Amino acid sequence: METNIQPILDKALDGERLTADDCTALLESNDFVRIGLAAHEIRMRKNPTDVVTYIIDRNINYTNVCNVVCTFCAFYRRPGKPDTYIHSIEEIEKRIDETIELGGTGVLMQGGLHPDMNIEWYEDLLRTLHAKYPTFQLHCFSPPEIHNISLISGLDYETILRRLKAAGLNSMPGGGGEILDDEVRRRVSTKCTTDEWLDVMRAVHKVGLISTGTMMFGIGDKIEHRVRHLERIRQVQDEALDAKASDPDYGEFTAFIPWTFQRENTALGRKITEEPTGIDYLKMLSVSRLFLDNIQHIQSSWLTQGIRLGQSALRFGADDMGSIMIEENVVSAAGANNEANERDLRYQISEAGFIPQQRDILYNYVNREDATGLDTRNSMPLKQLSVAFAD
């Protein structure tokens, strides 16, 4: 017999913190519509407007060389393979120039765990880009990349992040989180452990940088693993907000983004017999909103779930539609082929009953000159862009 979840939802709506058992009961429930209604109510309280935000940026993967093996990844290449690459500064600048032309405010830049790239390489990259684009936001790297730099340089996480911040780093995405439970991580990847990922994020916040939390589920994980993941994200955020009370410059998680494993072209995908459904995704998103009571924004992942399910997420707790993602290589390599341009994203937000609003990485509103009539330059389809910048 299914647990009556209404007392749990009432608890969340009354402002009480949910427990791990509450979280488990919600994820085990089939009543995803009622969970979604409660999550939407909390979303409207936390962000009390009809505005849904989105960002214009691109994901530049500066190298596909990676010295670890993740069975859920179709993007990485082992060192020495013939199809490896490292983008030059000129190539990266060309991508940034086009992003700016399309109204973009920042870049999300990540790469494989290259065995030969020391901290000086990253500092030179950031310093060069920041000097040329001083107001352009550099939302770069991930905990596994910082851990890799630590292994190469022998420096601790905080020292690395202070140096990268001084070179121009503005914030850090939550890549490499997958499921923050080593029982799962050991089966699917050889990169950083749960504690290492969390410790990097603690250092990110300590040096005054913001970050995002993520979850990729459906990689052989169970509900108990997903609950532990959410607990760990919430704990790190509690620590950050406690510190922020006495130090306003302390960093924090600005948003949480869950998505489902994209299996098509991966080694792990050939072994997984069951994958999360659209309902599983909406339920996970809603429960994240209810459980993560200390995180302001929950982001819809239309890139992995598809534009229509991404739109539906706006009534299940999400207040942000993410990026038009001018360029993306990692999840598309795994088989996700969803596309959208700014006009598409604004239309989907409007049709869901909300007001679309461009933002930057810091969630500041961006009002371009063409805000009342969308500039046709921003309607260039992703496939055309991909051809223009194929390596």
Protein backbone atom coordinates (compact mmCIF):
# COMPACT_ATOMS: atom_id res chain seq x y z
CA MET A 1 0.00 0.00 0.00
CA GLU A 2 1.37 3.39 -1.01
CA THR A 3 2.26 5.92 1.68
CA ASN A 4 -0.10 8.86 2.05
CA ILE A 5 2.16 11.69 0.96
CA GLN A 6 -0.17 14.57 1.80
CA PRO A 7 1.22 15.04 5.35
CA ILE A 8 4.70 15.28 3.83
CA LEU A 9 3.55 17.86 1.28
CA ASP A 10 1.74 19.80 4.01
CA LYS A 11 4.95 19.77 6.02
CA ALA A 12 6.88 21.30 3.10
CA LEU A 13 4.13 23.85 2.45
CA ASP A 14 4.20 24.84 6.12
CA GLY A 15 7.91 25.62 5.82
CA GLU A 16 9.21 22.58 7.69
CA ARG A 17 12.34 20.83 6.46
CA LEU A 18 11.78 17.40 4.91
CA THR A 19 13.72 14.40 6.18
CA ALA A 20 15.44 11.70 4.16
CA ASP A 21 12.50 9.40 4.91
CA ASP A 22 10.11 12.08 3.59
CA CYS A 23 12.20 12.37 0.45
CA THR A 24 12.19 8.61 -0.04
CA ALA A 25 8.41 8.42 0.35
CA LEU A 26 7.89 11.13 -2.27
CA LEU A 27 10.22 9.48 -4.78
CA GLU A 28 8.48 6.13 -4.23
CA SER A 29 5.03 7.65 -4.72
CA ASN A 30 3.13 7.46 -7.99
CA ASP A 31 1.23 10.67 -7.21
CA PHE A 32 3.62 12.85 -9.19
CA VAL A 33 0.95 15.43 -10.07
CA ARG A 34 0.25 16.27 -6.43
CA ILE A 35 3.98 16.43 -5.74
CA GLY A 36 4.34 18.75 -8.73
CA LEU A 37 1.58 21.06 -7.51
CA ALA A 38 3.29 21.42 -4.14
CA ALA A 39 6.66 22.02 -5.80
CA HIS A 40 5.17 24.71 -8.02
CA GLU A 41 3.66 26.43 -4.98
CA ILE A 42 7.07 26.45 -3.26
CA ARG A 43 8.68 27.71 -6.48
CA MET A 44 6.25 30.65 -6.59
CA ARG A 45 7.05 31.48 -2.97
CA LYS A 46 10.81 31.35 -3.49
CA ASN A 47 10.69 33.27 -6.78
CA PRO A 48 7.40 35.15 -6.50
CA THR A 49 6.91 36.30 -10.09
CA ASP A 50 5.64 34.83 -13.32
CA VAL A 51 9.09 35.28 -14.82
CA VAL A 52 11.01 32.24 -16.09
CA THR A 53 14.65 32.93 -16.84
CA TYR A 54 17.03 31.55 -19.45
CA ILE A 55 20.62 32.25 -20.42
CA ILE A 56 22.43 32.58 -23.74
CA ASP A 57 25.80 30.89 -23.56
CA ARG A 58 27.67 28.04 -25.15
CA ASN A 59 29.44 25.00 -23.76
CA ILE A 60 33.01 25.00 -25.01
CA ASN A 61 34.78 21.71 -24.38
CA TYR A 62 38.41 22.78 -24.62
CA THR A 63 39.73 19.21 -24.87
CA ASN A 64 38.31 15.70 -25.19
CA VAL A 65 41.47 14.08 -23.80
CA CYS A 66 40.64 12.34 -20.53
CA ASN A 67 42.70 10.04 -18.33
CA VAL A 68 39.73 8.48 -16.52
CA VAL A 69 37.07 6.09 -17.75
CA CYS A 70 33.37 6.88 -17.31
CA THR A 71 31.13 4.24 -18.85
CA PHE A 72 28.30 6.77 -19.20
CA CYS A 73 30.39 9.12 -21.40
CA ALA A 74 30.69 8.97 -25.19
CA PHE A 75 32.69 12.20 -25.49
CA TYR A 76 36.06 11.43 -23.92
CA ARG A 77 39.10 10.06 -25.76
CA ARG A 78 42.07 8.40 -24.12
CA PRO A 79 45.44 10.20 -24.38
CA GLY A 80 47.27 9.39 -27.61
CA LYS A 81 44.20 8.45 -29.65
CA PRO A 82 44.07 9.94 -33.18
CA ASP A 83 40.80 11.86 -32.70
CA THR A 84 41.88 13.83 -29.62
CA TYR A 85 42.02 17.62 -29.62
CA ILE A 86 42.89 20.67 -27.53
CA HIS A 87 41.33 23.94 -28.71
CA SER A 88 43.67 26.86 -29.24
CA ILE A 89 43.00 30.24 -27.63
CA GLU A 90 42.09 31.54 -31.10
CA GLU A 91 39.46 28.84 -31.57
CA ILE A 92 37.95 29.57 -28.17
CA GLU A 93 37.92 33.31 -28.84
CA LYS A 94 36.13 32.71 -32.16
CA ARG A 95 33.39 30.84 -30.32
CA ILE A 96 33.11 33.57 -27.69
CA ASP A 97 32.88 36.27 -30.38
CA GLU A 98 29.91 34.55 -31.95
CA THR A 99 28.26 34.00 -28.57
CA ILE A 100 28.48 37.74 -27.91
CA GLU A 101 27.00 38.47 -31.35
CA LEU A 102 24.02 36.27 -30.42
CA GLY A 103 23.41 38.19 -27.20
CA GLY A 104 25.33 35.82 -24.96
CA THR A 105 26.74 36.90 -21.62
CA GLY A 106 29.04 34.03 -20.72
CA VAL A 107 30.57 30.71 -21.55
CA LEU A 108 30.40 27.35 -19.81
CA MET A 109 33.81 25.81 -20.43
CA GLN A 110 34.75 22.29 -19.40
CA GLY A 111 36.98 19.55 -20.69
CA GLY A 112 38.38 16.11 -20.13
CA LEU A 113 40.87 15.35 -17.36
CA HIS A 114 44.04 15.88 -19.36
CA PRO A 115 47.11 14.28 -17.73
CA ASP A 116 49.51 17.07 -18.77
CA MET A 117 47.60 20.30 -18.10
CA ASN A 118 48.92 21.97 -14.98
CA ILE A 119 47.42 24.95 -13.19
CA GLU A 120 49.47 27.41 -15.26
CA TRP A 121 47.67 26.29 -18.44
CA TYR A 122 44.30 27.10 -16.88
CA GLU A 123 45.53 30.41 -15.47
CA ASP A 124 46.89 31.48 -18.87
CA LEU A 125 43.59 30.58 -20.53
CA LEU A 126 41.49 32.52 -18.03
CA ARG A 127 43.83 35.49 -17.90
CA THR A 128 43.86 35.80 -21.70
CA LEU A 129 40.08 35.55 -22.02
CA HIS A 130 39.40 37.90 -19.13
CA ALA A 131 41.74 40.52 -20.56
CA LYS A 132 40.01 40.43 -23.96
CA TYR A 133 36.43 40.08 -22.62
CA PRO A 134 36.46 41.79 -19.18
CA THR A 135 32.66 41.78 -18.72
CA PHE A 136 32.04 38.33 -20.26
CA GLN A 137 31.35 35.71 -17.56
CA LEU A 138 33.62 32.67 -17.36
CA HIS A 139 31.59 29.82 -15.82
CA CYS A 140 34.21 27.12 -16.10
CA PHE A 141 35.59 23.73 -15.10
CA SER A 142 34.12 21.25 -12.62
CA PRO A 143 35.10 19.48 -9.39
CA PRO A 144 36.75 16.56 -11.26
CA GLU A 145 38.85 19.04 -13.25
CA ILE A 146 39.93 20.86 -10.08
CA HIS A 147 40.75 17.51 -8.46
CA ASN A 148 42.81 16.60 -11.53
CA ILE A 149 44.72 19.89 -11.31
CA SER A 150 45.38 19.11 -7.65
CA LEU A 151 46.82 15.70 -8.52
CA ILE A 152 49.10 17.23 -11.16
CA SER A 153 50.19 20.35 -9.28
CA GLY A 154 50.21 19.04 -5.71
CA LEU A 155 48.19 22.07 -4.61
CA ASP A 156 45.11 21.96 -2.39
CA TYR A 157 41.69 22.84 -3.78
CA GLU A 158 41.44 26.23 -2.08
CA THR A 159 44.82 27.41 -3.39
CA ILE A 160 43.91 26.31 -6.91
CA LEU A 161 40.58 28.09 -6.82
CA ARG A 162 42.02 31.30 -5.40
CA ARG A 163 44.52 31.36 -8.25
CA LEU A 164 41.88 30.62 -10.89
CA LYS A 165 39.60 33.29 -9.44
CA ALA A 166 42.45 35.82 -9.58
CA ALA A 167 42.98 34.86 -13.23
CA GLY A 168 39.35 35.60 -14.13
CA LEU A 169 37.13 32.67 -13.12
CA ASN A 170 33.62 33.93 -12.24
CA SER A 171 31.82 30.74 -11.17
CA MET A 172 31.84 26.97 -11.44
CA PRO A 173 29.28 24.55 -12.88
CA GLY A 174 28.40 21.37 -11.04
CA GLY A 175 29.69 18.92 -13.63
CA GLY A 176 30.87 15.47 -12.64
CA GLY A 177 28.34 15.13 -9.83
CA GLU A 178 26.31 12.34 -11.41
CA ILE A 179 25.21 10.47 -8.26
CA LEU A 180 27.03 11.58 -5.12
CA ASP A 181 27.31 8.14 -3.60
CA ASP A 182 30.43 6.03 -4.00
CA GLU A 183 28.48 2.79 -4.19
CA VAL A 184 27.27 4.03 -7.58
CA ARG A 185 30.32 6.07 -8.63
CA ARG A 186 32.74 3.15 -8.23
CA ARG A 187 30.70 1.09 -10.68
CA VAL A 188 30.58 3.65 -13.48
CA SER A 189 33.63 5.92 -13.23
CA THR A 190 37.26 6.20 -12.08
CA LYS A 191 37.16 9.96 -11.42
CA CYS A 192 36.85 11.82 -8.13
CA THR A 193 34.96 10.38 -5.17
CA THR A 194 31.85 11.83 -3.56
CA ASP A 195 33.85 13.46 -0.75
CA GLU A 196 36.35 14.94 -3.21
CA TRP A 197 33.54 16.45 -5.31
CA LEU A 198 31.90 17.94 -2.22
CA ASP A 199 35.21 19.23 -0.84
CA VAL A 200 35.95 21.03 -4.11
CA MET A 201 32.56 22.73 -3.88
CA ARG A 202 33.25 23.73 -0.28
CA ALA A 203 36.49 25.33 -1.47
CA VAL A 204 34.66 27.03 -4.35
CA HIS A 205 32.28 28.67 -1.90
CA LYS A 206 35.05 29.51 0.58
CA VAL A 207 36.97 31.56 -1.99
CA GLY A 208 33.82 33.52 -2.81
CA LEU A 209 32.68 31.84 -6.03
CA ILE A 210 29.16 30.65 -6.77
CA SER A 211 28.39 27.25 -8.24
CA THR A 212 25.56 24.98 -9.28
CA GLY A 213 24.57 21.54 -8.00
CA THR A 214 23.66 18.78 -10.43
CA MET A 215 22.39 15.22 -10.54
CA MET A 216 22.48 12.75 -13.41
CA PHE A 217 20.34 9.76 -12.46
CA GLY A 218 19.47 6.53 -14.19
CA ILE A 219 23.01 5.09 -14.16
CA GLY A 220 22.11 2.05 -12.07
CA ASP A 221 21.29 4.12 -9.00
CA LYS A 222 18.33 3.48 -6.73
CA ILE A 223 16.09 5.84 -4.80
CA GLU A 224 18.26 5.61 -1.68
CA HIS A 225 21.27 6.83 -3.69
CA ARG A 226 19.32 9.80 -5.05
CA VAL A 227 18.17 10.71 -1.55
CA ARG A 228 21.75 10.63 -0.24
CA HIS A 229 22.79 12.83 -3.16
CA LEU A 230 20.17 15.45 -2.26
CA GLU A 231 21.13 15.26 1.43
CA ARG A 232 24.78 15.94 0.60
CA ILE A 233 23.98 18.89 -1.65
CA ARG A 234 21.72 20.37 1.03
CA GLN A 235 24.39 19.92 3.72
CA VAL A 236 27.06 21.75 1.71
CA GLN A 237 24.58 24.55 1.04
CA ASP A 238 23.73 24.76 4.75
CA GLU A 239 27.43 25.19 5.50
CA ALA A 240 27.76 27.89 2.84
CA LEU A 241 24.76 29.86 4.04
CA ASP A 242 25.91 29.63 7.66
CA ALA A 243 29.28 31.08 6.63
CA LYS A 244 27.61 33.67 4.42
CA ALA A 245 25.74 35.06 7.44
CA SER A 246 29.04 36.49 8.74
CA ASP A 247 30.83 36.81 5.38
CA PRO A 248 28.58 38.20 2.61
CA ASP A 249 31.21 37.38 -0.02
CA TYR A 250 31.03 33.64 0.71
CA GLY A 251 29.84 31.55 -2.26
CA GLU A 252 26.89 29.19 -2.52
CA PHE A 253 24.91 26.97 -4.87
CA THR A 254 22.71 29.26 -6.95
CA ALA A 255 20.77 26.46 -8.63
CA PHE A 256 20.21 22.72 -8.82
CA ILE A 257 19.83 20.90 -12.13
CA PRO A 258 18.77 17.23 -12.30
CA TRP A 259 18.65 15.28 -15.56
CA THR A 260 18.50 11.69 -16.76
CA PHE A 261 21.35 9.65 -18.19
CA GLN A 262 21.59 9.81 -22.00
CA ARG A 263 22.44 6.26 -22.91
CA GLU A 264 22.41 5.83 -26.68
CA ASN A 265 26.12 5.81 -27.57
CA THR A 266 27.64 4.79 -24.24
CA ALA A 267 29.08 1.58 -22.85
CA LEU A 268 26.88 1.83 -19.76
CA GLY A 269 23.79 2.41 -21.90
CA ARG A 270 24.18 -1.04 -23.43
CA LYS A 271 23.96 -2.58 -19.96
CA ILE A 272 21.11 -0.55 -18.46
CA THR A 273 17.81 -2.36 -18.95
CA GLU A 274 15.53 0.27 -17.44
CA GLU A 275 15.82 4.00 -17.83
CA PRO A 276 13.96 6.85 -16.13
CA THR A 277 10.73 7.99 -17.76
CA GLY A 278 9.41 11.50 -18.23
CA ILE A 279 7.36 11.05 -15.08
CA ASP A 280 10.47 9.99 -13.16
CA TYR A 281 12.18 13.17 -14.32
CA LEU A 282 9.31 15.47 -13.34
CA LYS A 283 9.04 13.76 -9.97
CA MET A 284 12.77 14.07 -9.32
CA LEU A 285 12.66 17.74 -10.25
CA SER A 286 9.67 18.40 -7.98
CA VAL A 287 11.16 16.53 -5.04
CA SER A 288 14.40 18.48 -5.50
CA ARG A 289 12.44 21.71 -5.14
CA LEU A 290 10.72 20.46 -1.98
CA PHE A 291 13.78 18.92 -0.32
CA LEU A 292 16.40 21.52 -1.26
CA ASP A 293 14.75 24.27 0.74
CA ASN A 294 17.99 26.28 0.85
CA ILE A 295 18.58 26.58 -2.93
CA GLN A 296 16.91 29.43 -4.78
CA HIS A 297 16.64 28.13 -8.33
CA ILE A 298 15.73 24.79 -9.90
CA GLN A 299 16.57 24.48 -13.56
CA SER A 300 14.72 22.56 -16.25
CA SER A 301 17.03 20.43 -18.41
CA TRP A 302 15.30 20.65 -21.79
CA LEU A 303 18.57 19.75 -23.50
CA THR A 304 18.41 16.19 -22.16
CA GLN A 305 14.66 15.80 -21.69
CA GLY A 306 13.40 17.50 -24.83
CA ILE A 307 11.87 20.93 -25.22
CA ARG A 308 8.28 19.90 -24.39
CA LEU A 309 9.13 18.00 -21.24
CA GLY A 310 11.44 20.87 -20.34
CA GLN A 311 8.45 23.17 -20.73
CA SER A 312 6.31 20.92 -18.51
CA ALA A 313 8.98 21.18 -15.81
CA LEU A 314 8.01 24.84 -15.38
CA ARG A 315 4.84 23.64 -13.64
CA PHE A 316 6.72 21.07 -11.54
CA GLY A 317 9.05 23.33 -9.57
CA ALA A 318 11.47 24.77 -12.11
CA ASP A 319 11.83 28.54 -12.45
CA ASP A 320 14.64 28.56 -15.01
CA MET A 321 14.82 27.08 -18.51
CA GLY A 322 18.59 26.93 -18.70
CA SER A 323 20.52 27.81 -21.82
CA ILE A 324 19.81 27.94 -25.53
CA MET A 325 23.19 26.13 -25.58
CA ILE A 326 24.65 27.45 -28.82
CA GLU A 327 27.20 24.64 -28.69
CA GLU A 328 27.16 21.41 -26.68
CA ASN A 329 29.23 18.28 -27.22
CA VAL A 330 29.03 15.94 -24.24
CA VAL A 331 25.38 14.90 -23.89
CA SER A 332 24.91 15.17 -27.65
CA ALA A 333 27.74 12.66 -28.08
CA ALA A 334 25.79 10.33 -25.79
CA GLY A 335 22.70 10.57 -28.02
CA ALA A 336 20.73 13.65 -26.94
CA ASN A 337 19.79 15.56 -30.08
CA ASN A 338 17.44 18.23 -28.75
CA GLU A 339 17.73 21.71 -30.23
CA ALA A 340 16.32 25.16 -29.51
CA ASN A 341 17.12 28.76 -30.28
CA GLU A 342 16.17 31.84 -28.30
CA ARG A 343 12.88 32.29 -30.13
CA ASP A 344 11.92 28.66 -29.44
CA LEU A 345 12.77 28.95 -25.76
CA ARG A 346 10.84 32.20 -25.31
CA TYR A 347 7.84 30.69 -27.08
CA GLN A 348 7.82 27.59 -24.87
CA ILE A 349 8.07 29.73 -21.73
CA SER A 350 5.25 32.00 -22.88
CA GLU A 351 2.98 29.11 -23.84
CA ALA A 352 3.46 27.66 -20.35
CA GLY A 353 2.00 30.89 -18.98
CA PHE A 354 5.17 32.68 -17.93
CA ILE A 355 7.18 35.74 -18.94
CA PRO A 356 10.53 34.85 -20.55
CA GLN A 357 13.51 36.81 -19.27
CA GLN A 358 17.15 36.50 -20.29
CA ARG A 359 19.60 36.38 -17.37
CA ASP A 360 23.31 36.06 -16.82
CA ILE A 361 25.19 33.47 -14.75
CA LEU A 362 24.59 35.48 -11.57
CA TYR A 363 20.82 35.55 -12.27
CA ASN A 364 20.89 39.25 -13.09
CA TYR A 365 18.31 40.17 -15.73
CA VAL A 366 19.69 41.02 -19.17
CA ASN A 367 17.63 43.45 -21.24
CA ARG A 368 19.02 43.79 -24.73
CA GLU A 369 18.00 46.54 -27.15
CA ASP A 370 15.77 44.09 -29.03
CA ALA A 371 13.91 42.97 -25.89
CA THR A 372 10.51 43.95 -27.33
CA GLY A 373 11.10 42.35 -30.71
CA LEU A 374 13.52 39.46 -30.93
CA ASP A 375 16.50 40.14 -33.18
CA THR A 376 16.64 37.66 -36.07
CA ARG A 377 20.35 37.14 -35.40
CA ASN A 378 19.28 35.07 -32.38
CA SER A 379 17.25 32.63 -34.45
CA MET A 380 20.21 30.88 -36.05
CA PRO A 381 19.61 27.13 -35.55
CA LEU A 382 22.04 24.98 -33.62
CA LYS A 383 22.80 22.71 -36.57
CA GLN A 384 23.93 25.70 -38.61
CA LEU A 385 26.13 26.84 -35.75
CA SER A 386 27.60 23.38 -35.35
CA VAL A 387 28.58 23.32 -39.02
CA ALA A 388 30.10 26.77 -38.77
CA PHE A 389 32.34 25.69 -35.92
CA ALA A 390 33.05 22.05 -36.72
CA ASP A 391 36.62 21.09 -35.93
